[in-house]
Amino acid sequence: MRLPKKRYNLCKGSNLNHALYDNWKLSVEDRMIYDTLYLKNMTRTQYKKFLDKTYCKNKHYSKTLEKLIKENDLKNCFNN
């Protein structure tokens, strides 16, 4: 992720204008902050298209992500 300039974030610094974190979990939490602030009005379909187009070079990222969520039963981790 690029280093946030204006929003609250969890990074500890930057390297080549990309955010640095103490651990991968903080990077995921920071991504959730970004999504909540800027992408909250998207439908699920719009969000998946956004991920496929801008987040990852893999054009089928959202399908891969959904597969990993299902295989590892991760959906239950976020439905509390």
PDB file of N, CA and C in Angstrom:
ATOM      1  N   MET A   1       0.819  -1.172   0.000  1.00  0.00           N
ATOM      2  CA  MET A   1       0.000   0.000   0.000  1.00  0.00           C
ATOM      3  C   MET A   1       0.870   1.245   0.000  1.00  0.00           C
ATOM      4  N   ARG A   2       0.426   2.247  -0.701  1.00  0.00           N
ATOM      5  CA  ARG A   2       1.127   3.531  -0.651  1.00  0.00           C
ATOM      6  C   ARG A   2       0.999   4.125   0.752  1.00  0.00           C
ATOM      7  N   LEU A   3       1.959   4.941   1.087  1.00  0.00           N
ATOM      8  CA  LEU A   3       1.944   5.597   2.388  1.00  0.00           C
ATOM      9  C   LEU A   3       0.795   6.600   2.444  1.00  0.00           C
ATOM     10  N   PRO A   4      -0.130   6.447   3.391  1.00  0.00           N
ATOM     11  CA  PRO A   4      -1.229   7.409   3.517  1.00  0.00           C
ATOM     12  C   PRO A   4      -0.702   8.761   3.978  1.00  0.00           C
ATOM     13  N   LYS A   5      -1.195   9.822   3.361  1.00  0.00           N
ATOM     14  CA  LYS A   5      -0.728  11.159   3.724  1.00  0.00           C
ATOM     15  C   LYS A   5      -1.699  11.901   4.628  1.00  0.00           C
ATOM     16  N   LYS A   6      -2.999  11.621   4.489  1.00  0.00           N
ATOM     17  CA  LYS A   6      -3.970  12.404   5.241  1.00  0.00           C
ATOM     18  C   LYS A   6      -4.802  11.594   6.219  1.00  0.00           C
ATOM     19  N   ARG A   7      -4.999  10.337   5.993  1.00  0.00           N
ATOM     20  CA  ARG A   7      -5.907   9.571   6.835  1.00  0.00           C
ATOM     21  C   ARG A   7      -5.163   8.894   7.994  1.00  0.00           C
ATOM     22  N   TYR A   8      -5.912   8.555   9.028  1.00  0.00           N
ATOM     23  CA  TYR A   8      -5.372   7.763  10.139  1.00  0.00           C
ATOM     24  C   TYR A   8      -4.834   6.464   9.560  1.00  0.00           C
ATOM     25  N   ASN A   9      -3.695   6.002  10.062  1.00  0.00           N
ATOM     26  CA  ASN A   9      -3.113   4.751   9.556  1.00  0.00           C
ATOM     27  C   ASN A   9      -2.328   4.052  10.648  1.00  0.00           C
ATOM     28  N   LEU A  10      -1.941   2.823  10.370  1.00  0.00           N
ATOM     29  CA  LEU A  10      -1.230   2.001  11.345  1.00  0.00           C
ATOM     30  C   LEU A  10       0.223   1.737  10.962  1.00  0.00           C
ATOM     31  N   CYS A  11       0.719   2.414   9.939  1.00  0.00           N
ATOM     32  CA  CYS A  11       2.086   2.136   9.489  1.00  0.00           C
ATOM     33  C   CYS A  11       3.107   2.807  10.407  1.00  0.00           C
ATOM     34  N   LYS A  12       4.302   2.246  10.397  1.00  0.00           N
ATOM     35  CA  LYS A  12       5.372   2.769  11.249  1.00  0.00           C
ATOM     36  C   LYS A  12       6.356   3.641  10.476  1.00  0.00           C
ATOM     37  N   GLY A  13       6.181   3.721   9.177  1.00  0.00           N
ATOM     38  CA  GLY A  13       7.083   4.506   8.343  1.00  0.00           C
ATOM     39  C   GLY A  13       6.865   4.164   6.885  1.00  0.00           C
ATOM     40  N   SER A  14       7.875   4.477   6.062  1.00  0.00           N
ATOM     41  CA  SER A  14       7.726   4.202   4.636  1.00  0.00           C
ATOM     42  C   SER A  14       9.043   3.776   4.023  1.00  0.00           C
ATOM     43  N   ASN A  15       8.919   3.123   2.875  1.00  0.00           N
ATOM     44  CA  ASN A  15      10.053   2.727   2.064  1.00  0.00           C
ATOM     45  C   ASN A  15       9.622   2.907   0.615  1.00  0.00           C
ATOM     46  N   LEU A  16      10.285   3.803  -0.103  1.00  0.00           N
ATOM     47  CA  LEU A  16       9.934   4.103  -1.496  1.00  0.00           C
ATOM     48  C   LEU A  16       8.466   4.495  -1.627  1.00  0.00           C
ATOM     49  N   ASN A  17       7.991   5.284  -0.688  1.00  0.00           N
ATOM     50  CA  ASN A  17       6.620   5.799  -0.640  1.00  0.00           C
ATOM     51  C   ASN A  17       5.559   4.721  -0.396  1.00  0.00           C
ATOM     52  N   HIS A  18       5.961   3.571   0.083  1.00  0.00           N
ATOM     53  CA  HIS A  18       5.033   2.511   0.467  1.00  0.00           C
ATOM     54  C   HIS A  18       5.089   2.344   1.981  1.00  0.00           C
ATOM     55  N   ALA A  19       3.941   2.064   2.557  1.00  0.00           N
ATOM     56  CA  ALA A  19       3.830   1.948   4.008  1.00  0.00           C
ATOM     57  C   ALA A  19       4.580   0.728   4.535  1.00  0.00           C
ATOM     58  N   LEU A  20       5.183   0.883   5.691  1.00  0.00           N
ATOM     59  CA  LEU A  20       5.838  -0.215   6.407  1.00  0.00           C
ATOM     60  C   LEU A  20       5.055  -0.499   7.685  1.00  0.00           C
ATOM     61  N   TYR A  21       4.934  -1.772   8.017  1.00  0.00           N
ATOM     62  CA  TYR A  21       4.180  -2.187   9.197  1.00  0.00           C
ATOM     63  C   TYR A  21       5.034  -3.098  10.060  1.00  0.00           C
ATOM     64  N   ASP A  22       4.713  -3.163  11.332  1.00  0.00           N
ATOM     65  CA  ASP A  22       5.418  -4.064  12.241  1.00  0.00           C
ATOM     66  C   ASP A  22       5.116  -5.524  11.922  1.00  0.00           C
ATOM     67  N   ASN A  23       3.920  -5.793  11.370  1.00  0.00           N
ATOM     68  CA  ASN A  23       3.564  -7.160  11.004  1.00  0.00           C
ATOM     69  C   ASN A  23       2.455  -7.129   9.947  1.00  0.00           C
ATOM     70  N   TRP A  24       2.195  -8.258   9.332  1.00  0.00           N
ATOM     71  CA  TRP A  24       1.222  -8.323   8.233  1.00  0.00           C
ATOM     72  C   TRP A  24      -0.202  -8.041   8.709  1.00  0.00           C
ATOM     73  N   LYS A  25      -0.495  -8.369   9.961  1.00  0.00           N
ATOM     74  CA  LYS A  25      -1.845  -8.134  10.466  1.00  0.00           C
ATOM     75  C   LYS A  25      -2.173  -6.642  10.486  1.00  0.00           C
ATOM     76  N   LEU A  26      -1.197  -5.822  10.853  1.00  0.00           N
ATOM     77  CA  LEU A  26      -1.420  -4.380  10.849  1.00  0.00           C
ATOM     78  C   LEU A  26      -1.655  -3.863   9.430  1.00  0.00           C
ATOM     79  N   SER A  27      -0.995  -4.464   8.451  1.00  0.00           N
ATOM     80  CA  SER A  27      -1.222  -4.040   7.071  1.00  0.00           C
ATOM     81  C   SER A  27      -2.648  -4.375   6.626  1.00  0.00           C
ATOM     82  N   VAL A  28      -3.157  -5.514   7.062  1.00  0.00           N
ATOM     83  CA  VAL A  28      -4.541  -5.897   6.736  1.00  0.00           C
ATOM     84  C   VAL A  28      -5.516  -4.957   7.436  1.00  0.00           C
ATOM     85  N   GLU A  29      -5.263  -4.645   8.683  1.00  0.00           N
ATOM     86  CA  GLU A  29      -6.126  -3.722   9.415  1.00  0.00           C
ATOM     87  C   GLU A  29      -6.105  -2.334   8.767  1.00  0.00           C
ATOM     88  N   ASP A  30      -4.940  -1.899   8.318  1.00  0.00           N
ATOM     89  CA  ASP A  30      -4.841  -0.603   7.661  1.00  0.00           C
ATOM     90  C   ASP A  30      -5.623  -0.604   6.346  1.00  0.00           C
ATOM     91  N   ARG A  31      -5.579  -1.711   5.631  1.00  0.00           N
ATOM     92  CA  ARG A  31      -6.369  -1.824   4.403  1.00  0.00           C
ATOM     93  C   ARG A  31      -7.864  -1.745   4.721  1.00  0.00           C
ATOM     94  N   MET A  32      -8.263  -2.332   5.826  1.00  0.00           N
ATOM     95  CA  MET A  32      -9.668  -2.268   6.235  1.00  0.00           C
ATOM     96  C   MET A  32     -10.075  -0.826   6.553  1.00  0.00           C
ATOM     97  N   ILE A  33      -9.179  -0.063   7.154  1.00  0.00           N
ATOM     98  CA  ILE A  33      -9.453   1.350   7.423  1.00  0.00           C
ATOM     99  C   ILE A  33      -9.662   2.085   6.099  1.00  0.00           C
ATOM    100  N   TYR A  34      -8.781   1.845   5.139  1.00  0.00           N
ATOM    101  CA  TYR A  34      -8.908   2.471   3.821  1.00  0.00           C
ATOM    102  C   TYR A  34     -10.254   2.118   3.181  1.00  0.00           C
ATOM    103  N   ASP A  35     -10.552   0.838   3.151  1.00  0.00           N
ATOM    104  CA  ASP A  35     -11.812   0.385   2.539  1.00  0.00           C
ATOM    105  C   ASP A  35     -13.025   1.017   3.211  1.00  0.00           C
ATOM    106  N   THR A  36     -12.998   1.089   4.524  1.00  0.00           N
ATOM    107  CA  THR A  36     -14.117   1.659   5.275  1.00  0.00           C
ATOM    108  C   THR A  36     -14.300   3.142   4.952  1.00  0.00           C
ATOM    109  N   LEU A  37     -13.214   3.860   4.819  1.00  0.00           N
ATOM    110  CA  LEU A  37     -13.298   5.293   4.541  1.00  0.00           C
ATOM    111  C   LEU A  37     -13.687   5.612   3.106  1.00  0.00           C
ATOM    112  N   TYR A  38     -13.134   4.852   2.148  1.00  0.00           N
ATOM    113  CA  TYR A  38     -13.253   5.255   0.754  1.00  0.00           C
ATOM    114  C   TYR A  38     -14.110   4.346  -0.125  1.00  0.00           C
ATOM    115  N   LEU A  39     -14.367   3.132   0.305  1.00  0.00           N
ATOM    116  CA  LEU A  39     -15.075   2.182  -0.557  1.00  0.00           C
ATOM    117  C   LEU A  39     -16.377   1.683   0.046  1.00  0.00           C
ATOM    118  N   LYS A  40     -16.824   2.288   1.125  1.00  0.00           N
ATOM    119  CA  LYS A  40     -17.961   1.776   1.880  1.00  0.00           C
ATOM    120  C   LYS A  40     -19.281   1.794   1.119  1.00  0.00           C
ATOM    121  N   ASN A  41     -19.411   2.606   0.099  1.00  0.00           N
ATOM    122  CA  ASN A  41     -20.668   2.682  -0.638  1.00  0.00           C
ATOM    123  C   ASN A  41     -20.732   1.750  -1.844  1.00  0.00           C
ATOM    124  N   MET A  42     -19.703   0.959  -2.039  1.00  0.00           N
ATOM    125  CA  MET A  42     -19.690   0.019  -3.160  1.00  0.00           C
ATOM    126  C   MET A  42     -20.519  -1.218  -2.831  1.00  0.00           C
ATOM    127  N   THR A  43     -21.154  -1.753  -3.859  1.00  0.00           N
ATOM    128  CA  THR A  43     -21.797  -3.054  -3.695  1.00  0.00           C
ATOM    129  C   THR A  43     -20.713  -4.120  -3.698  1.00  0.00           C
ATOM    130  N   ARG A  44     -21.073  -5.321  -3.330  1.00  0.00           N
ATOM    131  CA  ARG A  44     -20.106  -6.420  -3.337  1.00  0.00           C
ATOM    132  C   ARG A  44     -19.535  -6.625  -4.741  1.00  0.00           C
ATOM    133  N   THR A  45     -20.400  -6.556  -5.753  1.00  0.00           N
ATOM    134  CA  THR A  45     -19.957  -6.727  -7.143  1.00  0.00           C
ATOM    135  C   THR A  45     -19.005  -5.606  -7.551  1.00  0.00           C
ATOM    136  N   GLN A  46     -19.324  -4.375  -7.196  1.00  0.00           N
ATOM    137  CA  GLN A  46     -18.443  -3.247  -7.501  1.00  0.00           C
ATOM    138  C   GLN A  46     -17.093  -3.396  -6.804  1.00  0.00           C
ATOM    139  N   TYR A  47     -17.132  -3.858  -5.557  1.00  0.00           N
ATOM    140  CA  TYR A  47     -15.895  -4.029  -4.800  1.00  0.00           C
ATOM    141  C   TYR A  47     -15.009  -5.103  -5.442  1.00  0.00           C
ATOM    142  N   LYS A  48     -15.609  -6.198  -5.874  1.00  0.00           N
ATOM    143  CA  LYS A  48     -14.824  -7.252  -6.525  1.00  0.00           C
ATOM    144  C   LYS A  48     -14.206  -6.743  -7.824  1.00  0.00           C
ATOM    145  N   LYS A  49     -14.959  -5.968  -8.588  1.00  0.00           N
ATOM    146  CA  LYS A  49     -14.424  -5.392  -9.827  1.00  0.00           C
ATOM    147  C   LYS A  49     -13.276  -4.434  -9.515  1.00  0.00           C
ATOM    148  N   PHE A  50     -13.443  -3.655  -8.447  1.00  0.00           N
ATOM    149  CA  PHE A  50     -12.389  -2.740  -8.020  1.00  0.00           C
ATOM    150  C   PHE A  50     -11.110  -3.510  -7.686  1.00  0.00           C
ATOM    151  N   LEU A  51     -11.242  -4.583  -6.917  1.00  0.00           N
ATOM    152  CA  LEU A  51     -10.077  -5.391  -6.556  1.00  0.00           C
ATOM    153  C   LEU A  51      -9.395  -5.958  -7.786  1.00  0.00           C
ATOM    154  N   ASP A  52     -10.202  -6.503  -8.699  1.00  0.00           N
ATOM    155  CA  ASP A  52      -9.634  -7.116  -9.901  1.00  0.00           C
ATOM    156  C   ASP A  52      -8.941  -6.097 -10.801  1.00  0.00           C
ATOM    157  N   LYS A  53      -9.439  -4.881 -10.807  1.00  0.00           N
ATOM    158  CA  LYS A  53      -8.903  -3.864 -11.706  1.00  0.00           C
ATOM    159  C   LYS A  53      -7.727  -3.101 -11.110  1.00  0.00           C
ATOM    160  N   THR A  54      -7.766  -2.818  -9.821  1.00  0.00           N
ATOM    161  CA  THR A  54      -6.776  -1.902  -9.247  1.00  0.00           C
ATOM    162  C   THR A  54      -5.884  -2.486  -8.159  1.00  0.00           C
ATOM    163  N   TYR A  55      -6.341  -3.516  -7.464  1.00  0.00           N
ATOM    164  CA  TYR A  55      -5.598  -3.980  -6.289  1.00  0.00           C
ATOM    165  C   TYR A  55      -4.476  -4.946  -6.637  1.00  0.00           C
ATOM    166  N   CYS A  56      -4.702  -5.776  -7.627  1.00  0.00           N
ATOM    167  CA  CYS A  56      -3.756  -6.845  -7.917  1.00  0.00           C
ATOM    168  C   CYS A  56      -3.613  -7.018  -9.424  1.00  0.00           C
ATOM    169  N   LYS A  57      -2.438  -7.414  -9.875  1.00  0.00           N
ATOM    170  CA  LYS A  57      -2.221  -7.641 -11.303  1.00  0.00           C
ATOM    171  C   LYS A  57      -2.989  -8.857 -11.807  1.00  0.00           C
ATOM    172  N   ASN A  58      -3.308  -9.776 -10.917  1.00  0.00           N
ATOM    173  CA  ASN A  58      -4.112 -10.941 -11.275  1.00  0.00           C
ATOM    174  C   ASN A  58      -5.542 -10.470 -11.522  1.00  0.00           C
ATOM    175  N   LYS A  59      -6.020 -10.593 -12.748  1.00  0.00           N
ATOM    176  CA  LYS A  59      -7.354 -10.089 -13.098  1.00  0.00           C
ATOM    177  C   LYS A  59      -8.471 -10.885 -12.450  1.00  0.00           C
ATOM    178  N   HIS A  60      -8.134 -12.015 -11.849  1.00  0.00           N
ATOM    179  CA  HIS A  60      -9.134 -12.853 -11.192  1.00  0.00           C
ATOM    180  C   HIS A  60      -8.876 -12.917  -9.688  1.00  0.00           C
ATOM    181  N   TYR A  61      -8.332 -11.848  -9.149  1.00  0.00           N
ATOM    182  CA  TYR A  61      -7.972 -11.803  -7.736  1.00  0.00           C
ATOM    183  C   TYR A  61      -9.161 -12.089  -6.831  1.00  0.00           C
ATOM    184  N   SER A  62     -10.313 -11.488  -7.127  1.00  0.00           N
ATOM    185  CA  SER A  62     -11.474 -11.658  -6.246  1.00  0.00           C
ATOM    186  C   SER A  62     -11.935 -13.117  -6.213  1.00  0.00           C
ATOM    187  N   LYS A  63     -11.837 -13.820  -7.331  1.00  0.00           N
ATOM    188  CA  LYS A  63     -12.210 -15.245  -7.349  1.00  0.00           C
ATOM    189  C   LYS A  63     -11.224 -16.060  -6.526  1.00  0.00           C
ATOM    190  N   THR A  64      -9.957 -15.749  -6.657  1.00  0.00           N
ATOM    191  CA  THR A  64      -8.930 -16.436  -5.868  1.00  0.00           C
ATOM    192  C   THR A  64      -9.142 -16.173  -4.384  1.00  0.00           C
ATOM    193  N   LEU A  65      -9.444 -14.941  -4.041  1.00  0.00           N
ATOM    194  CA  LEU A  65      -9.688 -14.564  -2.654  1.00  0.00           C
ATOM    195  C   LEU A  65     -10.896 -15.306  -2.085  1.00  0.00           C
ATOM    196  N   GLU A  66     -11.981 -15.347  -2.838  1.00  0.00           N
ATOM    197  CA  GLU A  66     -13.172 -16.076  -2.381  1.00  0.00           C
ATOM    198  C   GLU A  66     -12.888 -17.565  -2.188  1.00  0.00           C
ATOM    199  N   LYS A  67     -12.078 -18.135  -3.067  1.00  0.00           N
ATOM    200  CA  LYS A  67     -11.706 -19.548  -2.941  1.00  0.00           C
ATOM    201  C   LYS A  67     -10.918 -19.788  -1.655  1.00  0.00           C
ATOM    202  N   LEU A  68      -9.954 -18.922  -1.369  1.00  0.00           N
ATOM    203  CA  LEU A  68      -9.160 -19.054  -0.141  1.00  0.00           C
ATOM    204  C   LEU A  68     -10.014 -18.883   1.110  1.00  0.00           C
ATOM    205  N   ILE A  69     -10.956 -17.946   1.055  1.00  0.00           N
ATOM    206  CA  ILE A  69     -11.854 -17.737   2.188  1.00  0.00           C
ATOM    207  C   ILE A  69     -12.678 -18.983   2.453  1.00  0.00           C
ATOM    208  N   LYS A  70     -13.188 -19.587   1.385  1.00  0.00           N
ATOM    209  CA  LYS A  70     -14.014 -20.786   1.531  1.00  0.00           C
ATOM    210  C   LYS A  70     -13.186 -21.975   2.010  1.00  0.00           C
ATOM    211  N   GLU A  71     -12.031 -22.208   1.385  1.00  0.00           N
ATOM    212  CA  GLU A  71     -11.181 -23.352   1.731  1.00  0.00           C
ATOM    213  C   GLU A  71     -10.697 -23.305   3.179  1.00  0.00           C
ATOM    214  N   ASN A  72     -10.494 -22.118   3.697  1.00  0.00           N
ATOM    215  CA  ASN A  72      -9.954 -21.963   5.053  1.00  0.00           C
ATOM    216  C   ASN A  72     -10.999 -21.542   6.080  1.00  0.00           C
ATOM    217  N   ASP A  73     -12.251 -21.581   5.679  1.00  0.00           N
ATOM    218  CA  ASP A  73     -13.368 -21.234   6.555  1.00  0.00           C
ATOM    219  C   ASP A  73     -13.145 -19.881   7.244  1.00  0.00           C
ATOM    220  N   LEU A  74     -12.701 -18.907   6.458  1.00  0.00           N
ATOM    221  CA  LEU A  74     -12.398 -17.587   7.016  1.00  0.00           C
ATOM    222  C   LEU A  74     -13.620 -16.697   7.135  1.00  0.00           C
ATOM    223  N   LYS A  75     -14.695 -17.043   6.459  1.00  0.00           N
ATOM    224  CA  LYS A  75     -15.892 -16.206   6.527  1.00  0.00           C
ATOM    225  C   LYS A  75     -16.395 -16.088   7.968  1.00  0.00           C
ATOM    226  N   ASN A  76     -16.283 -17.156   8.720  1.00  0.00           N
ATOM    227  CA  ASN A  76     -16.728 -17.139  10.112  1.00  0.00           C
ATOM    228  C   ASN A  76     -15.895 -16.204  10.985  1.00  0.00           C
ATOM    229  N   CYS A  77     -14.689 -15.895  10.550  1.00  0.00           N
ATOM    230  CA  CYS A  77     -13.832 -14.982  11.311  1.00  0.00           C
ATOM    231  C   CYS A  77     -14.355 -13.558  11.293  1.00  0.00           C
ATOM    232  N   PHE A  78     -15.176 -13.222  10.295  1.00  0.00           N
ATOM    233  CA  PHE A  78     -15.620 -11.842  10.123  1.00  0.00           C
ATOM    234  C   PHE A  78     -17.104 -11.670  10.356  1.00  0.00           C
ATOM    235  N   ASN A  79     -17.778 -12.702  10.781  1.00  0.00           N
ATOM    236  CA  ASN A  79     -19.223 -12.623  11.009  1.00  0.00           C
ATOM    237  C   ASN A  79     -19.582 -12.600  12.470  1.00  0.00           C
ATOM    238  N   ASN A  80     -18.719 -12.065  13.285  1.00  0.00           N
ATOM    239  CA  ASN A  80     -18.976 -12.017  14.733  1.00  0.00           C
ATOM    240  C   ASN A  80     -19.767 -10.795  15.087  1.00  0.00           C
TER     241      ASN A  80
END
